[in-house]
Each structure stands twice: as structure tokens, then as C-alpha cells.
PDB file of N, CA and C in Angstrom:
ATOM      1  N   UNK A   1      28.305   4.048 -26.707  1.00  0.00           N
ATOM      2  CA  UNK A   1      27.930   4.917 -27.478  1.00  0.00           C
ATOM      3  C   UNK A   1      27.577   6.593 -27.394  1.00  0.00           C
ATOM      4  N   UNK A   2      27.383   6.671 -28.331  1.00  0.00           N
ATOM      5  CA  UNK A   2      28.139   7.938 -29.215  1.00  0.00           C
ATOM      6  C   UNK A   2      26.884   9.250 -28.784  1.00  0.00           C
ATOM      7  N   UNK A   3      25.888  10.167 -27.935  1.00  0.00           N
ATOM      8  CA  UNK A   3      24.766  10.560 -28.751  1.00  0.00           C
ATOM      9  C   UNK A   3      24.587  11.209 -29.702  1.00  0.00           C
ATOM     10  N   UNK A   4      23.801  11.399 -30.564  1.00  0.00           N
ATOM     11  CA  UNK A   4      23.219  12.108 -31.873  1.00  0.00           C
ATOM     12  C   UNK A   4      22.340  12.845 -31.941  1.00  0.00           C
ATOM     13  N   UNK A   5      22.218  13.404 -32.931  1.00  0.00           N
ATOM     14  CA  UNK A   5      20.650  14.453 -33.237  1.00  0.00           C
ATOM     15  C   UNK A   5      20.082  13.781 -33.041  1.00  0.00           C
ATOM     16  N   UNK A   6      20.297  12.601 -33.969  1.00  0.00           N
ATOM     17  CA  UNK A   6      18.472  10.934 -33.832  1.00  0.00           C
ATOM     18  C   UNK A   6      18.464  11.201 -32.541  1.00  0.00           C
ATOM     19  N   UNK A   7      19.210  10.393 -32.359  1.00  0.00           N
ATOM     20  CA  UNK A   7      18.932   9.675 -30.630  1.00  0.00           C
ATOM     21  C   UNK A   7      18.258  11.005 -30.413  1.00  0.00           C
ATOM     22  N   UNK A   8      18.091  11.632 -29.552  1.00  0.00           N
ATOM     23  CA  UNK A   8      18.019  12.668 -28.865  1.00  0.00           C
ATOM     24  C   UNK A   8      16.555  12.759 -30.089  1.00  0.00           C
ATOM     25  N   UNK A   9      16.348  12.931 -31.085  1.00  0.00           N
ATOM     26  CA  UNK A   9      14.375  12.825 -31.484  1.00  0.00           C
ATOM     27  C   UNK A   9      14.015  11.718 -30.984  1.00  0.00           C
ATOM     28  N   UNK A  10      14.197  10.503 -31.897  1.00  0.00           N
ATOM     29  CA  UNK A  10      13.622   9.046 -31.073  1.00  0.00           C
ATOM     30  C   UNK A  10      13.735   9.538 -30.051  1.00  0.00           C
ATOM     31  N   UNK A  11      14.154   9.791 -29.596  1.00  0.00           N
ATOM     32  CA  UNK A  11      13.863   9.541 -27.224  1.00  0.00           C
ATOM     33  C   UNK A  11      12.615  10.750 -26.917  1.00  0.00           C
ATOM     34  N   UNK A  12      12.279  11.692 -28.021  1.00  0.00           N
ATOM     35  CA  UNK A  12      11.697  13.325 -27.910  1.00  0.00           C
ATOM     36  C   UNK A  12      10.305  12.369 -29.063  1.00  0.00           C
ATOM     37  N   UNK A  13      10.021  11.818 -29.252  1.00  0.00           N
ATOM     38  CA  UNK A  13       9.380  10.492 -30.225  1.00  0.00           C
ATOM     39  C   UNK A  13       8.740  10.316 -29.043  1.00  0.00           C
ATOM     40  N   UNK A  14       9.604   9.204 -28.911  1.00  0.00           N
ATOM     41  CA  UNK A  14       8.692   7.643 -27.788  1.00  0.00           C
ATOM     42  C   UNK A  14       8.264   9.281 -26.716  1.00  0.00           C
ATOM     43  N   UNK A  15       9.071   9.958 -25.838  1.00  0.00           N
ATOM     44  CA  UNK A  15       8.095  10.171 -25.225  1.00  0.00           C
ATOM     45  C   UNK A  15       6.233  11.024 -25.496  1.00  0.00           C
ATOM     46  N   UNK A  16       6.686  11.887 -26.956  1.00  0.00           N
ATOM     47  CA  UNK A  16       4.567  11.824 -27.981  1.00  0.00           C
ATOM     48  C   UNK A  16       4.383  10.971 -27.663  1.00  0.00           C
ATOM     49  N   UNK A  17       4.884   9.939 -28.328  1.00  0.00           N
ATOM     50  CA  UNK A  17       3.927   8.773 -27.995  1.00  0.00           C
ATOM     51  C   UNK A  17       3.621   7.862 -27.200  1.00  0.00           C
ATOM     52  N   UNK A  18       4.157   8.364 -25.890  1.00  0.00           N
ATOM     53  CA  UNK A  18       3.787   7.136 -24.272  1.00  0.00           C
ATOM     54  C   UNK A  18       2.840   8.638 -23.811  1.00  0.00           C
ATOM     55  N   UNK A  19       2.323  10.445 -23.893  1.00  0.00           N
ATOM     56  CA  UNK A  19       2.048  11.184 -23.061  1.00  0.00           C
ATOM     57  C   UNK A  19       0.391  10.754 -23.195  1.00  0.00           C
ATOM     58  N   UNK A  20      -0.603   9.868 -23.880  1.00  0.00           N
ATOM     59  CA  UNK A  20      -1.380   9.613 -23.889  1.00  0.00           C
ATOM     60  C   UNK A  20      -2.255   8.401 -22.884  1.00  0.00           C
ATOM     61  N   UNK A  21      -0.762   8.018 -22.696  1.00  0.00           N
ATOM     62  CA  UNK A  21      -1.105   6.655 -21.778  1.00  0.00           C
ATOM     63  C   UNK A  21      -0.719   6.985 -20.757  1.00  0.00           C
ATOM     64  N   UNK A  22      -0.077   7.920 -20.000  1.00  0.00           N
ATOM     65  CA  UNK A  22       1.044   8.995 -18.908  1.00  0.00           C
ATOM     66  C   UNK A  22      -0.507   9.504 -18.469  1.00  0.00           C
ATOM     67  N   UNK A  23      -1.475  10.219 -19.488  1.00  0.00           N
ATOM     68  CA  UNK A  23      -2.159  11.461 -18.516  1.00  0.00           C
ATOM     69  C   UNK A  23      -3.044  10.437 -18.666  1.00  0.00           C
ATOM     70  N   UNK A  24      -3.535   9.435 -18.786  1.00  0.00           N
ATOM     71  CA  UNK A  24      -4.484   8.487 -18.440  1.00  0.00           C
ATOM     72  C   UNK A  24      -5.758   8.949 -18.806  1.00  0.00           C
ATOM     73  N   UNK A  25      -5.619   9.176 -20.479  1.00  0.00           N
ATOM     74  CA  UNK A  25      -6.306   9.311 -21.286  1.00  0.00           C
ATOM     75  C   UNK A  25      -6.634   8.378 -22.439  1.00  0.00           C
ATOM     76  N   UNK A  26      -5.802   6.994 -22.774  1.00  0.00           N
ATOM     77  CA  UNK A  26      -5.806   6.417 -23.761  1.00  0.00           C
ATOM     78  C   UNK A  26      -6.846   5.712 -23.609  1.00  0.00           C
ATOM     79  N   UNK A  27      -7.271   5.715 -23.030  1.00  0.00           N
ATOM     80  CA  UNK A  27      -9.902   4.854 -23.158  1.00  0.00           C
ATOM     81  C   UNK A  27      -9.204   3.724 -23.521  1.00  0.00           C
ATOM     82  N   UNK A  28      -8.032   2.868 -22.751  1.00  0.00           N
ATOM     83  CA  UNK A  28      -8.617   1.338 -23.351  1.00  0.00           C
ATOM     84  C   UNK A  28      -8.028   1.858 -25.186  1.00  0.00           C
ATOM     85  N   UNK A  29      -7.967   2.413 -26.038  1.00  0.00           N
ATOM     86  CA  UNK A  29      -7.543   2.603 -27.600  1.00  0.00           C
ATOM     87  C   UNK A  29      -6.015   3.141 -27.457  1.00  0.00           C
ATOM     88  N   UNK A  30      -5.424   2.330 -28.321  1.00  0.00           N
ATOM     89  CA  UNK A  30      -4.032   2.480 -28.812  1.00  0.00           C
ATOM     90  C   UNK A  30      -5.115   4.036 -30.092  1.00  0.00           C
ATOM     91  N   UNK A  31      -3.917   4.774 -29.212  1.00  0.00           N
ATOM     92  CA  UNK A  31      -4.238   6.086 -30.789  1.00  0.00           C
ATOM     93  C   UNK A  31      -3.631   5.863 -31.855  1.00  0.00           C
ATOM     94  N   UNK A  32      -4.109   6.816 -32.894  1.00  0.00           N
ATOM     95  CA  UNK A  32      -3.582   6.360 -34.263  1.00  0.00           C
ATOM     96  C   UNK A  32      -2.333   7.036 -34.420  1.00  0.00           C
ATOM     97  N   UNK A  33      -1.994   7.583 -33.351  1.00  0.00           N
ATOM     98  CA  UNK A  33      -0.431   9.239 -33.300  1.00  0.00           C
ATOM     99  C   UNK A  33       0.111   8.053 -33.087  1.00  0.00           C
ATOM    100  N   UNK A  34       0.204   6.885 -31.715  1.00  0.00           N
ATOM    101  CA  UNK A  34       0.989   6.335 -30.592  1.00  0.00           C
ATOM    102  C   UNK A  34       1.953   5.441 -32.528  1.00  0.00           C
ATOM    103  N   UNK A  35       0.779   4.779 -33.396  1.00  0.00           N
ATOM    104  CA  UNK A  35       1.374   4.104 -34.224  1.00  0.00           C
ATOM    105  C   UNK A  35       2.457   5.220 -34.823  1.00  0.00           C
ATOM    106  N   UNK A  36       1.986   5.842 -35.868  1.00  0.00           N
ATOM    107  CA  UNK A  36       2.585   7.008 -36.724  1.00  0.00           C
ATOM    108  C   UNK A  36       4.136   7.394 -35.823  1.00  0.00           C
ATOM    109  N   UNK A  37       4.153   8.061 -34.521  1.00  0.00           N
ATOM    110  CA  UNK A  37       5.026   8.287 -33.557  1.00  0.00           C
ATOM    111  C   UNK A  37       6.154   7.150 -33.735  1.00  0.00           C
ATOM    112  N   UNK A  38       5.740   5.549 -33.415  1.00  0.00           N
ATOM    113  CA  UNK A  38       6.429   4.410 -33.109  1.00  0.00           C
ATOM    114  C   UNK A  38       7.515   4.392 -35.028  1.00  0.00           C
ATOM    115  N   UNK A  39       6.377   4.881 -36.125  1.00  0.00           N
ATOM    116  CA  UNK A  39       7.115   4.795 -37.004  1.00  0.00           C
ATOM    117  C   UNK A  39       7.785   5.721 -37.757  1.00  0.00           C
ATOM    118  N   UNK A  40       8.141   7.018 -37.197  1.00  0.00           N
ATOM    119  CA  UNK A  40       9.046   7.567 -37.433  1.00  0.00           C
ATOM    120  C   UNK A  40      10.427   7.317 -35.824  1.00  0.00           C
ATOM    121  N   UNK A  41      10.161   6.785 -34.921  1.00  0.00           N
ATOM    122  CA  UNK A  41      11.565   6.276 -34.274  1.00  0.00           C
ATOM    123  C   UNK A  41      11.857   4.722 -34.841  1.00  0.00           C
ATOM    124  N   UNK A  42      11.314   4.535 -35.190  1.00  0.00           N
ATOM    125  CA  UNK A  42      12.512   3.270 -35.917  1.00  0.00           C
ATOM    126  C   UNK A  42      12.778   3.950 -37.888  1.00  0.00           C
ATOM    127  N   UNK A  43      11.711   4.860 -37.975  1.00  0.00           N
ATOM    128  CA  UNK A  43      13.092   5.310 -38.929  1.00  0.00           C
ATOM    129  C   UNK A  43      14.064   6.363 -38.766  1.00  0.00           C
ATOM    130  N   UNK A  44      13.474   6.579 -37.356  1.00  0.00           N
ATOM    131  CA  UNK A  44      15.432   7.597 -36.733  1.00  0.00           C
ATOM    132  C   UNK A  44      16.161   6.405 -36.453  1.00  0.00           C
ATOM    133  N   UNK A  45      15.604   5.124 -36.186  1.00  0.00           N
ATOM    134  CA  UNK A  45      16.744   4.002 -35.624  1.00  0.00           C
ATOM    135  C   UNK A  45      17.591   4.446 -36.719  1.00  0.00           C
ATOM    136  N   UNK A  46      16.915   3.788 -37.749  1.00  0.00           N
ATOM    137  CA  UNK A  46      17.143   3.005 -38.936  1.00  0.00           C
ATOM    138  C   UNK A  46      18.740   4.104 -39.868  1.00  0.00           C
ATOM    139  N   UNK A  47      18.247   5.114 -39.348  1.00  0.00           N
ATOM    140  CA  UNK A  47      18.673   6.591 -40.487  1.00  0.00           C
ATOM    141  C   UNK A  47      20.663   6.373 -39.878  1.00  0.00           C
ATOM    142  N   UNK A  48      19.579   7.256 -38.042  1.00  0.00           N
ATOM    143  CA  UNK A  48      21.218   7.250 -37.379  1.00  0.00           C
ATOM    144  C   UNK A  48      21.995   6.025 -37.341  1.00  0.00           C
ATOM    145  N   UNK A  49      21.806   4.117 -37.061  1.00  0.00           N
ATOM    146  CA  UNK A  49      22.317   3.988 -37.335  1.00  0.00           C
ATOM    147  C   UNK A  49      23.221   3.550 -39.388  1.00  0.00           C
ATOM    148  N   UNK A  50      22.111   4.114 -40.603  1.00  0.00           N
ATOM    149  CA  UNK A  50      23.046   3.987 -41.253  1.00  0.00           C
ATOM    150  C   UNK A  50      24.397   4.823 -41.138  1.00  0.00           C
ATOM    151  N   UNK A  51      23.989   6.298 -39.957  1.00  0.00           N
ATOM    152  CA  UNK A  51      24.848   6.963 -41.031  1.00  0.00           C
ATOM    153  C   UNK A  51      25.837   6.594 -40.186  1.00  0.00           C
ATOM    154  N   UNK A  52      25.453   6.912 -38.602  1.00  0.00           N
ATOM    155  CA  UNK A  52      26.395   5.911 -37.662  1.00  0.00           C
ATOM    156  C   UNK A  52      27.718   4.859 -38.743  1.00  0.00           C
ATOM    157  N   UNK A  53      27.206   4.018 -39.181  1.00  0.00           N
ATOM    158  CA  UNK A  53      27.817   3.236 -40.727  1.00  0.00           C
ATOM    159  C   UNK A  53      28.872   3.560 -41.295  1.00  0.00           C
ATOM    160  N   UNK A  54      27.793   4.974 -42.044  1.00  0.00           N
ATOM    161  CA  UNK A  54      29.131   5.439 -43.402  1.00  0.00           C
ATOM    162  C   UNK A  54      30.405   6.699 -42.452  1.00  0.00           C
ATOM    163  N   UNK A  55      29.944   7.095 -41.741  1.00  0.00           N
ATOM    164  CA  UNK A  55      30.854   8.086 -41.174  1.00  0.00           C
ATOM    165  C   UNK A  55      31.191   7.981 -39.473  1.00  0.00           C
ATOM    166  N   UNK A  56      32.402   7.700 -39.853  1.00  0.00           N
ATOM    167  CA  UNK A  56      33.472   6.978 -38.700  1.00  0.00           C
ATOM    168  C   UNK A  56      33.523   8.920 -36.702  1.00  0.00           C
ATOM    169  N   UNK A  57      33.294  10.164 -37.252  1.00  0.00           N
ATOM    170  CA  UNK A  57      33.844  11.253 -36.906  1.00  0.00           C
ATOM    171  C   UNK A  57      32.756  11.717 -36.329  1.00  0.00           C
ATOM    172  N   UNK A  58      32.884  12.034 -35.250  1.00  0.00           N
ATOM    173  CA  UNK A  58      31.413  12.861 -34.543  1.00  0.00           C
ATOM    174  C   UNK A  58      30.593  13.357 -35.580  1.00  0.00           C
ATOM    175  N   UNK A  59      32.039  14.559 -35.121  1.00  0.00           N
ATOM    176  CA  UNK A  59      31.574  15.785 -35.911  1.00  0.00           C
ATOM    177  C   UNK A  59      30.610  16.429 -37.434  1.00  0.00           C
ATOM    178  N   UNK A  60      31.375  15.859 -38.190  1.00  0.00           N
ATOM    179  CA  UNK A  60      30.434  14.916 -38.764  1.00  0.00           C
ATOM    180  C   UNK A  60      29.713  14.278 -39.089  1.00  0.00           C
ATOM    181  N   UNK A  61      29.501  13.169 -38.300  1.00  0.00           N
ATOM    182  CA  UNK A  61      27.541  12.379 -38.089  1.00  0.00           C
ATOM    183  C   UNK A  61      26.740  14.060 -37.180  1.00  0.00           C
ATOM    184  N   UNK A  62      27.189  14.380 -36.187  1.00  0.00           N
ATOM    185  CA  UNK A  62      26.199  15.320 -35.918  1.00  0.00           C
ATOM    186  C   UNK A  62      26.050  17.007 -37.561  1.00  0.00           C
ATOM    187  N   UNK A  63      27.471  16.636 -37.261  1.00  0.00           N
ATOM    188  CA  UNK A  63      26.313  18.247 -39.220  1.00  0.00           C
ATOM    189  C   UNK A  63      25.326  17.271 -40.380  1.00  0.00           C
ATOM    190  N   UNK A  64      25.754  16.329 -39.962  1.00  0.00           N
ATOM    191  CA  UNK A  64      24.654  15.717 -41.367  1.00  0.00           C
ATOM    192  C   UNK A  64      23.424  16.009 -41.008  1.00  0.00           C
ATOM    193  N   UNK A  65      23.074  14.568 -39.596  1.00  0.00           N
ATOM    194  CA  UNK A  65      22.209  14.458 -38.696  1.00  0.00           C
ATOM    195  C   UNK A  65      20.786  15.380 -38.893  1.00  0.00           C
ATOM    196  N   UNK A  66      22.553  16.667 -38.073  1.00  0.00           N
ATOM    197  CA  UNK A  66      20.984  18.159 -37.787  1.00  0.00           C
ATOM    198  C   UNK A  66      20.850  18.418 -39.392  1.00  0.00           C
ATOM    199  N   UNK A  67      21.493  18.253 -40.553  1.00  0.00           N
ATOM    200  CA  UNK A  67      20.945  18.177 -41.599  1.00  0.00           C
ATOM    201  C   UNK A  67      19.999  17.356 -42.121  1.00  0.00           C
ATOM    202  N   UNK A  68      20.105  16.579 -41.597  1.00  0.00           N
ATOM    203  CA  UNK A  68      18.886  15.844 -43.039  1.00  0.00           C
ATOM    204  C   UNK A  68      17.183  16.061 -41.223  1.00  0.00           C
ATOM    205  N   UNK A  69      17.492  16.250 -40.273  1.00  0.00           N
ATOM    206  CA  UNK A  69      16.632  16.496 -39.611  1.00  0.00           C
ATOM    207  C   UNK A  69      15.704  17.744 -39.834  1.00  0.00           C
ATOM    208  N   UNK A  70      16.740  18.833 -40.189  1.00  0.00           N
ATOM    209  CA  UNK A  70      16.622  20.444 -40.976  1.00  0.00           C
ATOM    210  C   UNK A  70      15.628  19.816 -41.929  1.00  0.00           C
ATOM    211  N   UNK A  71      16.187  18.697 -42.607  1.00  0.00           N
ATOM    212  CA  UNK A  71      15.341  18.124 -44.188  1.00  0.00           C
ATOM    213  C   UNK A  71      14.359  18.380 -44.045  1.00  0.00           C
ATOM    214  N   UNK A  72      14.367  17.733 -43.308  1.00  0.00           N
ATOM    215  CA  UNK A  72      13.221  16.095 -42.142  1.00  0.00           C
ATOM    216  C   UNK A  72      11.483  16.914 -42.846  1.00  0.00           C
ATOM    217  N   UNK A  73      12.195  18.468 -41.588  1.00  0.00           N
ATOM    218  CA  UNK A  73      11.002  19.670 -40.720  1.00  0.00           C
ATOM    219  C   UNK A  73      10.678  19.879 -41.861  1.00  0.00           C
ATOM    220  N   UNK A  74      11.451  20.598 -41.993  1.00  0.00           N
ATOM    221  CA  UNK A  74      10.853  20.970 -44.094  1.00  0.00           C
ATOM    222  C   UNK A  74      10.089  21.064 -44.468  1.00  0.00           C
ATOM    223  N   UNK A  75      10.373  19.423 -45.299  1.00  0.00           N
ATOM    224  CA  UNK A  75       9.571  18.468 -45.935  1.00  0.00           C
ATOM    225  C   UNK A  75       8.058  18.988 -45.161  1.00  0.00           C
ATOM    226  N   UNK A  76       8.530  18.562 -44.087  1.00  0.00           N
ATOM    227  CA  UNK A  76       6.878  17.794 -42.971  1.00  0.00           C
ATOM    228  C   UNK A  76       6.124  19.108 -43.553  1.00  0.00           C
ATOM    229  N   UNK A  77       6.583  20.005 -43.286  1.00  0.00           N
ATOM    230  CA  UNK A  77       5.497  21.433 -43.030  1.00  0.00           C
ATOM    231  C   UNK A  77       5.046  21.663 -44.400  1.00  0.00           C
ATOM    232  N   UNK A  78       6.191  21.487 -45.643  1.00  0.00           N
ATOM    233  CA  UNK A  78       5.259  21.331 -46.753  1.00  0.00           C
ATOM    234  C   UNK A  78       4.273  20.734 -46.931  1.00  0.00           C
ATOM    235  N   UNK A  79       4.763  19.816 -47.581  1.00  0.00           N
ATOM    236  CA  UNK A  79       3.117  18.598 -47.184  1.00  0.00           C
ATOM    237  C   UNK A  79       2.761  19.438 -46.607  1.00  0.00           C
ATOM    238  N   UNK A  80       2.315  19.599 -45.487  1.00  0.00           N
ATOM    239  CA  UNK A  80       1.262  19.916 -44.409  1.00  0.00           C
ATOM    240  C   UNK A  80       1.168  21.304 -45.098  1.00  0.00           C
ATOM    241  N   UNK A  81       1.006  22.464 -45.710  1.00  0.00           N
ATOM    242  CA  UNK A  81       0.937  23.547 -46.108  1.00  0.00           C
ATOM    243  C   UNK A  81       0.508  23.128 -48.050  1.00  0.00           C
ATOM    244  N   UNK A  82       0.874  22.587 -48.448  1.00  0.00           N
ATOM    245  CA  UNK A  82       0.210  22.606 -49.872  1.00  0.00           C
ATOM    246  C   UNK A  82      -0.412  21.015 -49.664  1.00  0.00           C
ATOM    247  N   UNK A  83      -0.435  19.924 -48.544  1.00  0.00           N
ATOM    248  CA  UNK A  83      -2.127  19.771 -48.925  1.00  0.00           C
ATOM    249  C   UNK A  83      -3.164  20.520 -48.026  1.00  0.00           C
TER     250      UNK A  83
END
């Protein structure tokens, strides 16, 4: 298994989703943020599998996935400021 940027992002998102439960502040309810992070994890995993299927060279996978992450981050920041 090759380590890719989207794998790292997925691990970070899973940690962010689990933080309320690890701190004990869940209060018996599942926070909405948990579902948001799990949706992002699913999208990261699917896009990682797609990029791995399309590209065979590990260097190209890293370049394309880092570009994808930067593009999505810029879009999220723009949507946050525009709304």
C-alpha cells in the first residue's frame, strides 16, 4: 500500500470526527460535524482510488493529489467567504 496525500487527509478527518467522542463531550448525541467529516472521508477515499487507478507513477499521484487538495481547500475558503 502506497502512502498518498489523500490517505493522510483521510486519517486527519477521521481524527477530527472522533475528537468529540474522545473528549467525552459527545453527550450521547452524534454531532452534525461527525457526519460532515465522514462524508469528506468517503470522498477522499473514492477520489484516492480513482487517482490510483488512472495514474501508475507514485510521483504523479502525489502531484495530482496535492493539486486536488489545494483546489478543494481554495474552493471551501471561497464558499465560506462568499456565503
